[in-house]
Amino acid sequence: MVKTASTMLDIGTQAPKFALPNVDGTIVSEADFSDSAALIVIFMCNHCPFVKHLADALATFGREYQMKGAAVVAISSNDVSKHPEDSPEQMVHESESRGYSFPYLYDEDQSVAKAYRAACTPDFYVFDHDQKLVYRGQFDSSRPDSGVPVTGVDLRTAVDTVLAGDRVSENQTPSIGCNIKWKQGSEPDYFNPAGIA
C-alpha cells in the first residue's frame, strides 16, 4: 500500500469552517464547539488499514477527551463511487460498531478536506480554545504490522497540553496513512499521489 504523509498545515491557522451531515442526520459545524477547550478534527474513513489499526483506540480517546472538555469530530472525504465501503450508510454502521461517541461527518464534495489540506487517513488536527491550530501530526508511532503498541501518546500529549493552558511543542511528526481518495480530476494541488511510499 502507498503511504501518504500529512501536509503539516501551518501552526496558528484558524480552523477552516465546515457544516457537514453527521451519521445521525444532523448538521455539525465547527461553530458548535466554540466553547470547547480544544477541538480535535480527524480525517478518516472506514476501509483504510491505518484507520482500522487505530479505530478502537480512537473510540476510547474520543470518550475520554470529550469528558475532559475537548470536542472531537471525525470527517470522511473519500470518493464513495470508487470506495462504497466508505459510504454514509456504512459510516453509520462503523460508528455504531466501533462505539464512536463523536460526530462522524461526510464531506461529499471534498471541500472541507481541501480547506484543511488533509492528505491521508488518518490525519489529525488539534485547535485551541480560539480554534487556532496547535498540532497536526500522528496519533502515535504505531503502524499496521509494526509491532508498536497503539497508545495515542502524540495526540494525547498535544491535547493534554492545550487543556492545561500550555504551549504545544512545534516538534511534531506527520501522520502517515492511505491517501484520501479524491474524485477523478479534483485532486488538490498540494496532493502528492506518490506519497512517501
Protein backbone atom coordinates (compact mmCIF):
# COMPACT_ATOMS: atom_id res chain seq x y z
CA MET A 1 0.00 0.00 0.00
CA VAL A 2 1.19 3.53 -0.75
CA LYS A 3 1.76 5.62 2.34
CA THR A 4 0.95 9.32 2.32
CA ALA A 5 2.04 11.85 4.95
CA SER A 6 0.28 14.88 6.43
CA THR A 7 0.86 18.19 4.67
CA MET A 8 1.53 19.79 8.08
CA LEU A 9 -0.78 22.81 7.81
CA ASP A 10 0.78 25.94 9.34
CA ILE A 11 0.57 26.24 13.12
CA GLY A 12 -1.72 29.12 14.06
CA THR A 13 -4.14 28.54 11.16
CA GLN A 14 -7.74 29.31 12.10
CA ALA A 15 -9.91 26.18 11.93
CA PRO A 16 -11.50 26.15 8.47
CA LYS A 17 -15.27 26.29 8.62
CA PHE A 18 -17.43 23.26 7.92
CA ALA A 19 -21.09 22.30 8.11
CA LEU A 20 -21.50 18.63 7.28
CA PRO A 21 -24.02 15.84 7.83
CA ASN A 22 -23.37 13.55 10.77
CA VAL A 23 -24.21 9.84 10.85
CA ASP A 24 -27.27 10.71 12.98
CA GLY A 25 -28.65 13.01 10.26
CA THR A 26 -27.87 16.31 11.98
CA ILE A 27 -25.62 19.02 10.54
CA VAL A 28 -22.49 19.67 12.59
CA SER A 29 -20.21 22.69 12.25
CA GLU A 30 -17.03 23.95 13.87
CA ALA A 31 -19.13 26.75 15.42
CA ASP A 32 -20.92 24.12 17.53
CA PHE A 33 -17.68 23.75 19.50
CA SER A 34 -16.78 27.40 20.01
CA ASP A 35 -16.95 26.96 23.81
CA SER A 36 -14.76 23.86 23.87
CA ALA A 37 -11.33 23.96 25.46
CA ALA A 38 -9.92 22.18 22.39
CA LEU A 39 -11.19 20.90 19.05
CA ILE A 40 -9.74 17.73 17.55
CA VAL A 41 -10.55 17.15 13.87
CA ILE A 42 -9.74 13.72 12.41
CA PHE A 43 -9.89 12.91 8.71
CA MET A 44 -10.53 9.18 8.45
CA CYS A 45 -12.63 6.57 6.70
CA ASN A 46 -13.95 3.05 7.19
CA HIS A 47 -11.77 0.91 4.94
CA CYS A 48 -8.22 2.25 5.43
CA PRO A 49 -5.96 -0.26 7.23
CA PHE A 50 -4.19 2.60 9.04
CA VAL A 51 -7.52 3.77 10.47
CA LYS A 52 -8.64 0.23 11.30
CA HIS A 53 -5.37 -0.20 13.20
CA LEU A 54 -6.29 2.73 15.48
CA ALA A 55 -10.09 2.60 15.42
CA ASP A 56 -10.71 1.05 18.83
CA ALA A 57 -8.14 3.35 20.42
CA LEU A 58 -9.78 6.33 18.68
CA ALA A 59 -13.13 5.37 20.19
CA THR A 60 -11.53 5.27 23.65
CA PHE A 61 -9.69 8.54 23.02
CA GLY A 62 -12.91 10.25 21.95
CA ARG A 63 -14.86 9.23 25.04
CA GLU A 64 -12.00 10.15 27.37
CA TYR A 65 -11.28 13.59 25.95
CA GLN A 66 -14.91 14.58 25.49
CA MET A 67 -15.26 14.02 29.23
CA LYS A 68 -12.27 16.34 29.75
CA GLY A 69 -13.96 19.16 27.83
CA ALA A 70 -12.46 18.70 24.37
CA ALA A 71 -14.54 18.37 21.23
CA VAL A 72 -13.74 15.53 18.82
CA VAL A 73 -15.00 15.39 15.23
CA ALA A 74 -14.22 12.84 12.52
CA ILE A 75 -14.68 13.56 8.81
CA SER A 76 -14.70 11.16 5.87
CA SER A 77 -13.96 12.75 2.49
CA ASN A 78 -13.32 9.71 0.30
CA ASP A 79 -14.88 9.28 -3.14
CA VAL A 80 -17.54 6.69 -2.36
CA SER A 81 -18.24 5.95 -6.03
CA LYS A 82 -14.94 4.06 -6.05
CA HIS A 83 -14.99 3.09 -2.36
CA PRO A 84 -18.59 2.21 -1.43
CA GLU A 85 -17.40 0.79 1.89
CA ASP A 86 -16.90 4.43 2.93
CA SER A 87 -20.47 5.48 2.05
CA PRO A 88 -22.59 7.40 4.57
CA GLU A 89 -24.65 4.26 5.17
CA GLN A 90 -21.53 2.29 6.02
CA MET A 91 -20.30 5.17 8.18
CA VAL A 92 -23.41 4.70 10.34
CA HIS A 93 -22.56 1.02 10.83
CA GLU A 94 -18.91 1.80 11.51
CA SER A 95 -19.74 4.43 14.11
CA GLU A 96 -22.13 2.08 15.88
CA SER A 97 -19.86 -0.97 15.77
CA ARG A 98 -16.80 0.96 16.98
CA GLY A 99 -18.73 2.85 19.63
CA TYR A 100 -17.68 6.29 18.42
CA SER A 101 -19.10 8.93 20.77
CA PHE A 102 -18.03 11.78 18.49
CA PRO A 103 -19.68 13.05 15.29
CA TYR A 104 -18.62 11.24 12.11
CA LEU A 105 -19.26 13.60 9.21
CA TYR A 106 -19.42 13.10 5.45
CA ASP A 107 -17.59 15.62 3.23
CA GLU A 108 -19.19 14.65 -0.08
CA ASP A 109 -17.67 17.39 -2.25
CA GLN A 110 -14.27 17.08 -0.51
CA SER A 111 -14.12 20.85 0.02
CA VAL A 112 -13.51 20.55 3.76
CA ALA A 113 -10.61 18.15 3.27
CA LYS A 114 -9.11 20.63 0.83
CA ALA A 115 -9.63 23.54 3.23
CA TYR A 116 -7.69 21.62 5.88
CA ARG A 117 -5.09 20.47 3.33
CA ALA A 118 -5.83 16.96 4.53
CA ALA A 119 -3.84 14.29 2.70
CA CYS A 120 -4.18 10.96 4.46
CA THR A 121 -6.36 8.78 6.64
CA PRO A 122 -5.96 9.23 9.50
CA ASP A 123 -4.94 12.90 9.60
CA PHE A 124 -5.17 14.69 12.97
CA TYR A 125 -5.59 18.39 13.82
CA VAL A 126 -5.80 19.99 17.27
CA PHE A 127 -7.13 23.53 17.71
CA ASP A 128 -7.05 25.52 20.93
CA HIS A 129 -9.99 27.31 22.61
CA ASP A 130 -9.71 30.07 19.98
CA GLN A 131 -9.77 27.37 17.27
CA LYS A 132 -6.20 28.16 16.23
CA LEU A 133 -4.13 25.17 15.07
CA VAL A 134 -1.60 24.00 17.64
CA TYR A 135 -0.96 20.42 16.50
CA ARG A 136 -1.08 18.43 13.30
CA GLY A 137 0.55 15.05 13.17
CA GLN A 138 0.36 11.44 14.16
CA PHE A 139 -1.73 9.64 16.76
CA ASP A 140 1.45 7.80 17.74
CA SER A 141 4.24 5.89 16.02
CA SER A 142 2.30 2.63 15.70
CA ARG A 143 1.51 1.40 12.18
CA PRO A 144 -0.15 -1.77 10.89
CA ASP A 145 2.16 -4.75 11.41
CA SER A 146 4.79 -2.56 13.13
CA GLY A 147 4.55 -4.36 16.46
CA VAL A 148 4.48 -0.95 18.17
CA PRO A 149 1.60 -0.67 20.69
CA VAL A 150 -1.18 1.82 19.92
CA THR A 151 -1.11 4.41 22.71
CA GLY A 152 -2.08 7.71 21.10
CA VAL A 153 0.78 9.32 23.00
CA ASP A 154 1.48 12.08 20.46
CA LEU A 155 -2.11 13.24 20.16
CA ARG A 156 -2.81 12.80 23.87
CA THR A 157 0.24 14.85 24.81
CA ALA A 158 -0.83 17.65 22.49
CA VAL A 159 -4.40 17.76 23.76
CA ASP A 160 -3.35 17.47 27.42
CA THR A 161 -1.02 20.42 26.87
CA VAL A 162 -3.83 22.52 25.37
CA LEU A 163 -6.19 21.60 28.19
CA ALA A 164 -3.55 22.62 30.72
CA GLY A 165 -3.28 26.02 29.03
CA ASP A 166 0.31 25.46 27.96
CA ARG A 167 2.07 25.85 24.61
CA VAL A 168 2.27 22.73 22.43
CA SER A 169 5.75 21.86 21.17
CA GLU A 170 6.10 22.50 17.44
CA ASN A 171 8.32 19.42 17.12
CA GLN A 172 5.60 17.28 15.55
CA THR A 173 5.69 14.09 13.46
CA PRO A 174 3.42 13.86 10.40
CA SER A 175 0.66 11.31 10.39
CA ILE A 176 1.02 8.59 7.78
CA GLY A 177 -1.79 6.64 6.15
CA CYS A 178 -3.65 5.92 2.95
CA ASN A 179 -4.18 8.92 0.71
CA ILE A 180 -7.63 10.48 0.68
CA LYS A 181 -9.47 9.04 -2.32
CA TRP A 182 -10.02 12.15 -4.40
CA LYS A 183 -12.66 12.31 -7.09
CA GLN A 184 -11.15 11.97 -10.54
CA GLY A 185 -9.76 15.26 -11.76
CA SER A 186 -10.28 17.03 -8.44
CA GLU A 187 -7.01 16.22 -6.70
CA PRO A 188 -5.81 19.33 -4.83
CA ASP A 189 -2.57 21.00 -5.89
CA TYR A 190 -0.89 20.04 -2.62
CA PHE A 191 -1.60 16.32 -3.08
CA ASN A 192 1.36 14.12 -3.93
CA PRO A 193 -0.05 10.87 -5.36
CA ALA A 194 3.32 9.17 -5.00
CA GLY A 195 3.09 9.73 -1.25
CA ILE A 196 6.21 8.73 0.63
CA ALA A 197 5.94 5.07 -0.46
